[in-house]
């Protein structure tokens, strides 16, 4: 299946001052496939080395960081000739070998002619455990689940994906029902590559849900393998609380909802660990919707989202019938699914960093704020064709933004104070 990240890898390959690239992302988002497919398409050969339980390569990095010696070892281990410009070198599961991470600095400084990509699902955890990271000596790229356009292509709807990219509003309106139907399926299937590929092949919602449950079990197994016993219970509590937190009308994360009397300091490390694994996304409130948004971050007020909308449904135990019965998925848990979906598209299909805005003494909340071309754009999320936008209207009256976005299942329309964008086009404004 095609990934838009492939274009970013091509740009990296063609950079004049290319550094080694670290591909970040949670387990099961397709990092290994993407690296190997990139090598197959754009290099004459690929030298792939997994550092997971690889004692030979562990010994190679141990004595020193002599690049010629390391390259010779890679050649011996893979049987692949290492030639600058012709060979892609891949170090997978690099978090398992801290000295391999450190070696990227020396590839950058002493052998920039070699194309080196490294990937690690638990890299963030390793770094916080004291592993040295070559700051300034590597490029980074985060890979997430398939976004909605990638999902459409994977299930054979390339034409619909092209309509989104072309922003052909009349044709988008003509195929409204088809987009709406596929959006509901995406809410259930999500974007994890194995789940999408299996659904595309078998069109079986129940098999897709079984795969999602196995992925969740794999993640939860990691909790115990890579954390101390005293932190394990807190990680599980945060993880399991996210569906309930998102289901609230006020989606700000409340520690008291995890456990009565819980305080932020009790769960800060647990949240950080889940972030480092790429399993959750933390979105901050801002005290003022002004440029730069980062300067007005309120670190004590935030929302937590999961990696993937399909996994949110699986963790919430939404039955497959909720999608098979048509609109039922929109009436039960609809707000949480829709906001998770929008967040996912903004994070993995745009260059923007989303925030949100909520005043202390106001019931109104702007679901997301985006900083674009020197202005702050409010984005209000609606699960259906609901065109009532009380919070957004109040915000616009107070702050007079140059652009305001409402995203819903309604067709594209412009009004004097805001623009309605269909949910399937939310990454294209």
Protein backbone atom coordinates (compact mmCIF):
# COMPACT_ATOMS: atom_id res chain seq x y z
CA UNK A 1 0.00 0.00 0.00
CA UNK A 2 1.18 3.50 -0.76
CA UNK A 3 2.34 5.79 2.04
CA UNK A 4 2.70 9.55 1.64
CA UNK A 5 5.84 9.32 3.80
CA UNK A 6 7.56 7.78 0.77
CA UNK A 7 7.70 11.27 -0.76
CA UNK A 8 9.45 12.57 2.34
CA UNK A 9 11.98 9.76 2.11
CA UNK A 10 12.66 10.67 -1.52
CA UNK A 11 13.29 14.29 -0.52
CA UNK A 12 15.63 13.07 2.22
CA UNK A 13 17.53 10.93 -0.28
CA UNK A 14 18.06 13.91 -2.59
CA UNK A 15 19.21 16.38 0.07
CA UNK A 16 22.69 17.79 -0.49
CA UNK A 17 23.51 17.73 3.21
CA UNK A 18 21.78 14.52 4.10
CA UNK A 19 22.13 13.17 7.61
CA UNK A 20 21.24 9.69 8.84
CA UNK A 21 17.46 9.44 9.21
CA UNK A 22 15.63 8.10 12.25
CA UNK A 23 12.12 6.85 11.45
CA UNK A 24 10.00 7.07 14.58
CA UNK A 25 6.60 5.60 15.29
CA UNK A 26 4.70 3.06 17.36
CA UNK A 27 4.94 -0.65 16.73
CA UNK A 28 2.86 -1.98 13.83
CA UNK A 29 2.58 1.29 11.87
CA UNK A 30 4.67 -0.09 9.00
CA UNK A 31 8.16 1.33 9.56
CA UNK A 32 10.02 -1.81 8.46
CA UNK A 33 7.95 -2.22 5.31
CA UNK A 34 8.37 1.43 4.38
CA UNK A 35 12.16 1.38 4.76
CA UNK A 36 12.56 -1.83 2.79
CA UNK A 37 10.17 -0.71 0.05
CA UNK A 38 12.02 2.59 -0.19
CA UNK A 39 15.27 0.70 -0.64
CA UNK A 40 13.74 -1.60 -3.24
CA UNK A 41 12.39 1.30 -5.32
CA UNK A 42 15.14 3.89 -5.11
CA UNK A 43 18.42 2.06 -4.48
CA UNK A 44 20.24 -0.70 -6.30
CA UNK A 45 20.50 -2.74 -3.12
CA UNK A 46 19.48 -2.65 0.55
CA UNK A 47 21.53 -3.83 3.54
CA UNK A 48 18.95 -4.58 6.23
CA UNK A 49 20.05 -5.27 9.80
CA UNK A 50 17.70 -5.84 12.72
CA UNK A 51 19.36 -5.11 16.05
CA UNK A 52 16.76 -7.03 18.06
CA UNK A 53 18.58 -9.88 19.86
CA UNK A 54 21.52 -9.45 17.50
CA UNK A 55 24.62 -10.26 19.52
CA UNK A 56 26.88 -10.09 16.47
CA UNK A 57 26.01 -6.47 15.71
CA UNK A 58 26.05 -5.60 19.41
CA UNK A 59 29.67 -6.71 19.52
CA UNK A 60 30.42 -4.73 16.34
CA UNK A 61 29.43 -1.40 17.91
CA UNK A 62 31.08 -2.12 21.26
CA UNK A 63 34.80 -1.33 20.70
CA UNK A 64 34.59 2.01 18.87
CA UNK A 65 32.79 3.94 16.14
CA UNK A 66 35.13 3.23 13.24
CA UNK A 67 32.74 3.58 10.28
CA UNK A 68 34.82 1.48 7.90
CA UNK A 69 34.84 -1.40 10.36
CA UNK A 70 31.08 -1.08 10.96
CA UNK A 71 30.39 -1.05 7.21
CA UNK A 72 32.51 -4.16 6.76
CA UNK A 73 30.50 -5.88 9.48
CA UNK A 74 27.21 -4.89 7.82
CA UNK A 75 28.52 -6.28 4.54
CA UNK A 76 29.41 -9.58 6.20
CA UNK A 77 26.12 -9.80 8.11
CA UNK A 78 23.89 -9.08 5.10
CA UNK A 79 25.95 -10.25 2.15
CA UNK A 80 25.18 -6.91 0.50
CA UNK A 81 27.86 -4.75 -1.11
CA UNK A 82 27.92 -1.30 0.50
CA UNK A 83 28.39 1.41 -2.13
CA UNK A 84 27.69 5.13 -1.54
CA UNK A 85 24.67 6.30 -3.54
CA UNK A 86 23.72 2.75 -4.47
CA UNK A 87 23.11 0.98 -1.15
CA UNK A 88 20.56 1.86 1.52
CA UNK A 89 21.70 0.82 5.00
CA UNK A 90 18.87 0.05 7.45
CA UNK A 91 19.32 -0.40 11.19
CA UNK A 92 15.96 -1.64 12.49
CA UNK A 93 14.99 -1.83 16.19
CA UNK A 94 17.92 0.47 16.93
CA UNK A 95 16.68 1.17 20.44
CA UNK A 96 18.01 -2.29 21.36
CA UNK A 97 21.59 -1.11 20.80
CA UNK A 98 22.43 2.26 22.40
CA UNK A 99 25.88 2.37 20.80
CA UNK A 100 24.31 1.91 17.37
CA UNK A 101 22.24 5.04 18.06
CA UNK A 102 25.40 6.91 19.03
CA UNK A 103 27.15 5.70 15.86
CA UNK A 104 24.78 7.77 13.72
CA UNK A 105 26.71 10.85 14.80
CA UNK A 106 29.86 9.42 13.22
CA UNK A 107 28.05 8.41 10.04
CA UNK A 108 26.95 12.05 9.80
CA UNK A 109 30.37 13.53 10.49
CA UNK A 110 32.71 11.02 8.85
CA UNK A 111 30.67 9.24 6.16
CA UNK A 112 27.80 11.43 4.97
CA UNK A 113 27.96 9.85 1.52
CA UNK A 114 26.24 6.71 2.87
CA UNK A 115 22.43 6.59 3.06
CA UNK A 116 21.51 5.32 6.53
CA UNK A 117 18.02 4.90 7.98
CA UNK A 118 17.33 3.70 11.50
CA UNK A 119 14.01 2.88 13.13
CA UNK A 120 12.87 2.02 16.61
CA UNK A 121 9.43 1.61 18.13
CA UNK A 122 10.58 2.24 21.70
CA UNK A 123 13.30 4.74 20.87
CA UNK A 124 11.76 7.48 23.00
CA UNK A 125 11.69 5.18 26.01
CA UNK A 126 15.34 4.23 25.48
CA UNK A 127 16.39 7.88 25.31
CA UNK A 128 14.62 8.72 28.57
CA UNK A 129 16.40 5.76 30.16
CA UNK A 130 19.74 7.44 29.49
CA UNK A 131 20.62 6.44 25.94
CA UNK A 132 22.64 9.16 24.23
CA UNK A 133 20.84 10.70 21.26
CA UNK A 134 22.89 12.35 18.45
CA UNK A 135 21.15 15.72 18.58
CA UNK A 136 21.73 17.76 15.44
CA UNK A 137 23.39 14.85 13.67
CA UNK A 138 20.27 13.07 12.39
CA UNK A 139 17.09 13.86 10.50
CA UNK A 140 13.83 12.49 11.92
CA UNK A 141 10.50 11.45 10.45
CA UNK A 142 7.46 10.17 12.33
CA UNK A 143 5.27 7.50 10.75
CA UNK A 144 1.74 6.97 11.99
CA UNK A 145 -1.22 4.86 10.91
CA UNK A 146 -2.63 5.30 7.41
CA UNK A 147 -4.45 8.61 7.06
CA UNK A 148 -7.86 8.66 5.41
CA UNK A 149 -6.50 9.31 1.90
CA UNK A 150 -4.02 6.44 2.24
CA UNK A 151 -6.85 4.25 3.52
CA UNK A 152 -8.97 5.05 0.45
CA UNK A 153 -6.11 4.07 -1.84
CA UNK A 154 -5.53 0.85 0.09
CA UNK A 155 -9.15 -0.25 -0.35
CA UNK A 156 -9.17 0.51 -4.06
CA UNK A 157 -10.75 3.97 -3.98
CA UNK A 158 -7.87 5.92 -5.50
CA UNK A 159 -10.35 8.12 -7.39
CA UNK A 160 -11.92 9.37 -4.18
CA UNK A 161 -8.49 10.09 -2.73
CA UNK A 162 -7.60 12.10 -5.83
CA UNK A 163 -10.79 14.17 -5.50
CA UNK A 164 -9.71 15.12 -1.98
CA UNK A 165 -6.23 16.12 -3.13
CA UNK A 166 -7.66 18.14 -6.06
CA UNK A 167 -10.27 19.80 -3.82
CA UNK A 168 -12.87 19.34 -6.53
CA UNK A 169 -15.82 20.54 -4.45
CA UNK A 170 -18.63 19.87 -6.98
CA UNK A 171 -17.49 16.26 -7.48
CA UNK A 172 -16.86 15.86 -3.77
CA UNK A 173 -20.48 16.86 -3.19
CA UNK A 174 -21.68 14.47 -5.89
CA UNK A 175 -19.96 11.56 -4.11
CA UNK A 176 -20.98 12.71 -0.62
CA UNK A 177 -22.70 9.45 0.34
CA UNK A 178 -19.75 7.36 -0.78
CA UNK A 179 -17.30 9.47 1.21
CA UNK A 180 -19.57 9.29 4.25
CA UNK A 181 -19.80 5.51 3.98
CA UNK A 182 -16.02 5.06 3.72
CA UNK A 183 -15.46 7.50 6.57
CA UNK A 184 -17.62 5.38 8.87
CA UNK A 185 -15.66 2.31 7.82
CA UNK A 186 -12.41 4.13 8.55
CA UNK A 187 -13.73 5.02 12.01
CA UNK A 188 -14.04 1.29 12.66
CA UNK A 189 -11.07 -0.09 10.71
CA UNK A 190 -8.65 2.74 11.48
CA UNK A 191 -5.26 3.03 9.85
CA UNK A 192 -3.05 0.25 11.23
CA UNK A 193 -1.52 -1.26 8.06
CA UNK A 194 -2.13 -4.94 8.82
CA UNK A 195 -5.75 -4.26 9.76
CA UNK A 196 -6.36 -2.20 6.62
CA UNK A 197 -4.67 -4.76 4.36
CA UNK A 198 -6.71 -7.60 5.83
CA UNK A 199 -9.97 -5.66 5.50
CA UNK A 200 -9.13 -4.69 1.90
CA UNK A 201 -8.60 -8.36 1.09
CA UNK A 202 -11.49 -9.94 3.01
CA UNK A 203 -13.96 -7.11 3.70
CA UNK A 204 -14.44 -8.66 7.15
CA UNK A 205 -15.09 -6.28 10.05
CA UNK A 206 -14.85 -9.02 12.66
CA UNK A 207 -11.42 -10.15 11.49
CA UNK A 208 -10.30 -6.53 11.53
CA UNK A 209 -11.45 -6.15 15.13
CA UNK A 210 -9.64 -9.35 16.14
CA UNK A 211 -6.42 -7.95 14.67
CA UNK A 212 -6.93 -4.67 16.52
CA UNK A 213 -7.35 -6.55 19.79
CA UNK A 214 -4.12 -8.45 19.14
CA UNK A 215 -2.28 -5.18 18.49
CA UNK A 216 -3.63 -3.75 21.74
CA UNK A 217 -2.54 -6.91 23.58
CA UNK A 218 0.93 -6.53 22.06
CA UNK A 219 1.12 -2.93 23.28
CA UNK A 220 -0.06 -3.92 26.73
CA UNK A 221 2.54 -6.69 26.88
CA UNK A 222 5.16 -4.01 26.21
CA UNK A 223 3.99 -2.18 29.33
CA UNK A 224 5.26 -5.01 31.49
CA UNK A 225 8.41 -5.75 29.48
CA UNK A 226 9.79 -2.24 29.41
CA UNK A 227 8.66 -0.56 32.62
CA UNK A 228 9.32 -0.93 36.33
CA UNK A 229 6.71 -2.76 38.38
CA UNK A 230 5.78 0.35 40.36
CA UNK A 231 4.97 2.25 37.14
CA UNK A 232 3.13 -0.54 35.32
CA UNK A 233 -0.20 -0.10 37.12
CA UNK A 234 -0.22 3.66 36.45
CA UNK A 235 0.47 3.17 32.74
CA UNK A 236 -2.42 0.72 32.46
CA UNK A 237 -4.73 3.07 34.33
CA UNK A 238 -3.95 6.00 32.03
CA UNK A 239 -4.23 3.81 28.92
CA UNK A 240 -7.60 2.36 29.89
CA UNK A 241 -9.00 5.73 30.97
CA UNK A 242 -8.57 7.46 27.59
CA UNK A 243 -11.87 6.28 25.99
CA UNK A 244 -13.77 7.47 29.06
CA UNK A 245 -11.91 10.79 29.12
CA UNK A 246 -12.67 11.42 25.43
CA UNK A 247 -16.33 10.53 25.91
CA UNK A 248 -16.76 13.48 28.31
CA UNK A 249 -18.19 16.70 26.92
CA UNK A 250 -15.21 18.53 28.41
CA UNK A 251 -12.36 16.42 27.11
CA UNK A 252 -9.65 17.97 29.28
CA UNK A 253 -7.80 15.14 30.99
CA UNK A 254 -8.90 14.78 34.62
CA UNK A 255 -6.61 12.74 36.85
CA UNK A 256 -9.44 12.29 39.33
CA UNK A 257 -11.26 10.21 36.70
CA UNK A 258 -8.43 7.67 36.79
CA UNK A 259 -8.53 7.20 40.52
CA UNK A 260 -10.20 9.18 43.27
CA UNK A 261 -7.78 11.68 44.73
CA UNK A 262 -5.19 11.14 41.97
CA UNK A 263 -2.83 14.02 41.24
CA UNK A 264 -0.85 14.98 38.19
CA UNK A 265 2.51 14.06 39.72
CA UNK A 266 1.25 10.49 40.29
CA UNK A 267 0.76 9.87 36.57
CA UNK A 268 3.18 12.20 34.77
CA UNK A 269 5.73 9.44 34.13
CA UNK A 270 3.03 7.05 32.90
CA UNK A 271 1.77 9.59 30.37
CA UNK A 272 5.31 10.39 29.26
CA UNK A 273 6.05 6.68 28.74
CA UNK A 274 2.97 6.20 26.55
CA UNK A 275 3.96 9.29 24.55
CA UNK A 276 7.50 8.02 24.10
CA UNK A 277 6.12 4.79 22.67
CA UNK A 278 3.98 6.73 20.23
CA UNK A 279 0.79 5.20 21.62
CA UNK A 280 -0.88 8.45 22.64
CA UNK A 281 -0.93 12.07 21.51
CA UNK A 282 -0.97 14.91 24.03
CA UNK A 283 -2.69 18.12 22.91
CA UNK A 284 -2.27 21.23 25.07
CA UNK A 285 -4.66 24.05 25.85
CA UNK A 286 -3.45 27.58 25.19
CA UNK A 287 -4.17 30.54 27.45
CA UNK A 288 -4.51 32.86 24.47
CA UNK A 289 -5.20 32.11 20.78
CA UNK A 290 -2.30 34.18 19.46
CA UNK A 291 0.87 33.66 17.42
CA UNK A 292 2.98 31.82 18.35
CA UNK A 293 0.62 29.30 19.92
CA UNK A 294 3.51 27.50 21.56
CA UNK A 295 4.24 30.56 23.68
CA UNK A 296 0.79 30.34 25.30
CA UNK A 297 0.85 26.63 26.12
CA UNK A 298 -0.77 25.66 29.42
CA UNK A 299 1.13 22.53 30.35
CA UNK A 300 -1.30 21.62 33.11
CA UNK A 301 -4.32 21.45 30.79
CA UNK A 302 -4.32 18.89 28.00
CA UNK A 303 -6.25 16.16 26.20
CA UNK A 304 -4.98 12.68 25.48
CA UNK A 305 -5.81 10.82 22.28
CA UNK A 306 -4.88 7.35 21.12
CA UNK A 307 -2.64 6.57 18.19
CA UNK A 308 -5.49 5.36 15.98
CA UNK A 309 -9.27 5.75 15.74
CA UNK A 310 -9.75 2.03 15.05
CA UNK A 311 -7.78 1.14 18.17
CA UNK A 312 -9.91 3.61 20.16
CA UNK A 313 -13.01 1.72 19.06
CA UNK A 314 -11.42 -1.62 19.93
CA UNK A 315 -10.24 -0.42 23.35
CA UNK A 316 -13.76 0.94 23.93
CA UNK A 317 -15.22 -2.45 22.92
CA UNK A 318 -17.43 -0.97 20.22
CA UNK A 319 -19.14 -3.94 18.60
CA UNK A 320 -18.76 -4.51 14.87
CA UNK A 321 -22.53 -4.07 14.53
CA UNK A 322 -22.06 -0.38 15.26
CA UNK A 323 -20.69 0.00 11.76
CA UNK A 324 -22.84 -2.64 10.07
CA UNK A 325 -26.01 -0.98 11.36
CA UNK A 326 -25.35 2.25 9.48
CA UNK A 327 -25.44 5.42 11.57
CA UNK A 328 -25.28 3.72 14.95
CA UNK A 329 -21.57 4.45 15.18
CA UNK A 330 -22.38 8.16 15.02
CA UNK A 331 -24.96 8.07 17.79
CA UNK A 332 -22.86 6.11 20.27
CA UNK A 333 -19.50 7.58 21.12
CA UNK A 334 -19.69 9.73 18.00
CA UNK A 335 -18.00 12.82 19.40
CA UNK A 336 -14.98 10.94 20.71
CA UNK A 337 -14.48 9.01 17.47
CA UNK A 338 -14.81 12.10 15.33
CA UNK A 339 -12.44 14.21 17.38
CA UNK A 340 -9.94 11.33 17.46
CA UNK A 341 -10.24 11.05 13.68
CA UNK A 342 -9.65 14.78 13.12
CA UNK A 343 -6.68 14.83 15.48
CA UNK A 344 -5.20 11.85 13.66
CA UNK A 345 -5.49 13.53 10.26
CA UNK A 346 -3.99 16.79 11.53
CA UNK A 347 -1.03 15.02 13.15
CA UNK A 348 -0.25 12.51 10.41
CA UNK A 349 -1.43 14.28 7.25
CA UNK A 350 -0.44 17.92 7.81
CA UNK A 351 2.58 19.87 9.03
CA UNK A 352 0.63 21.59 11.80
CA UNK A 353 0.83 21.11 15.58
CA UNK A 354 -2.72 21.16 16.97
CA UNK A 355 -3.68 22.84 20.23
CA UNK A 356 -7.11 23.58 21.72
CA UNK A 357 -8.69 26.52 23.50
CA UNK A 358 -10.97 26.51 26.51
CA UNK A 359 -11.67 29.42 28.82
CA UNK A 360 -11.81 28.65 32.52
CA UNK A 361 -15.25 30.14 33.14
CA UNK A 362 -16.83 29.24 29.82
CA UNK A 363 -18.59 26.10 28.65
CA UNK A 364 -17.48 26.80 25.08
CA UNK A 365 -14.40 25.08 23.75
CA UNK A 366 -12.63 25.21 20.40
CA UNK A 367 -11.66 21.63 19.58
CA UNK A 368 -8.42 22.52 17.79
CA UNK A 369 -6.31 25.56 17.00
CA UNK A 370 -3.84 25.52 14.12
CA UNK A 371 -1.12 28.06 13.40
CA UNK A 372 -0.87 28.64 9.64
CA UNK A 373 0.88 31.39 7.70
CA UNK A 374 1.03 33.76 10.64
CA UNK A 375 -2.54 33.34 11.81
CA UNK A 376 -4.40 31.16 14.30
CA UNK A 377 -7.21 29.10 12.75
CA UNK A 378 -9.92 27.67 15.02
CA UNK A 379 -11.31 24.26 14.02
CA UNK A 380 -14.65 23.08 15.40
CA UNK A 381 -15.47 19.39 14.99
CA UNK A 382 -19.01 18.14 14.35
CA UNK A 383 -19.79 14.44 14.11
CA UNK A 384 -22.68 14.75 11.65
CA UNK A 385 -24.36 17.39 9.47
CA UNK A 386 -24.92 19.51 12.58
CA UNK A 387 -24.33 23.09 11.45
CA UNK A 388 -24.93 24.75 14.82
CA UNK A 389 -21.64 26.30 15.91
CA UNK A 390 -22.31 28.26 19.08
CA UNK A 391 -18.79 27.94 20.50
CA UNK A 392 -17.12 28.79 17.21
CA UNK A 393 -19.40 31.79 16.71
CA UNK A 394 -18.62 33.12 20.18
CA UNK A 395 -14.91 32.64 19.54
CA UNK A 396 -15.12 34.48 16.21
CA UNK A 397 -17.05 37.36 17.75
CA UNK A 398 -14.39 37.75 20.43
CA UNK A 399 -11.15 37.18 18.49
CA UNK A 400 -12.06 37.99 14.86
CA UNK A 401 -9.88 35.30 13.19
CA UNK A 402 -9.11 35.71 9.49
CA UNK A 403 -10.23 32.11 8.90
CA UNK A 404 -12.49 29.82 10.92
CA UNK A 405 -13.15 26.17 10.11
CA UNK A 406 -16.07 23.92 10.97
CA UNK A 407 -15.65 20.32 9.86
CA UNK A 408 -18.64 18.01 9.60
CA UNK A 409 -20.25 15.53 7.22
CA UNK A 410 -21.93 18.42 5.40
CA UNK A 411 -20.61 19.48 2.00
CA UNK A 412 -18.16 22.32 1.52
CA UNK A 413 -19.72 25.73 2.00
CA UNK A 414 -18.45 29.22 2.69
CA UNK A 415 -20.18 31.69 4.99
CA UNK A 416 -19.21 35.22 5.82
CA UNK A 417 -17.60 34.21 9.10
CA UNK A 418 -16.48 30.62 8.59
CA UNK A 419 -15.96 27.75 6.13
CA UNK A 420 -17.50 24.29 6.49
CA UNK A 421 -15.13 21.56 5.33
CA UNK A 422 -16.26 17.93 5.01
CA UNK A 423 -14.58 15.65 7.50
CA UNK A 424 -12.93 13.68 4.71
CA UNK A 425 -11.14 16.88 3.63
CA UNK A 426 -10.00 18.06 7.05
CA UNK A 427 -6.29 17.79 6.20
CA UNK A 428 -6.67 19.93 3.06
CA UNK A 429 -7.51 23.41 4.35
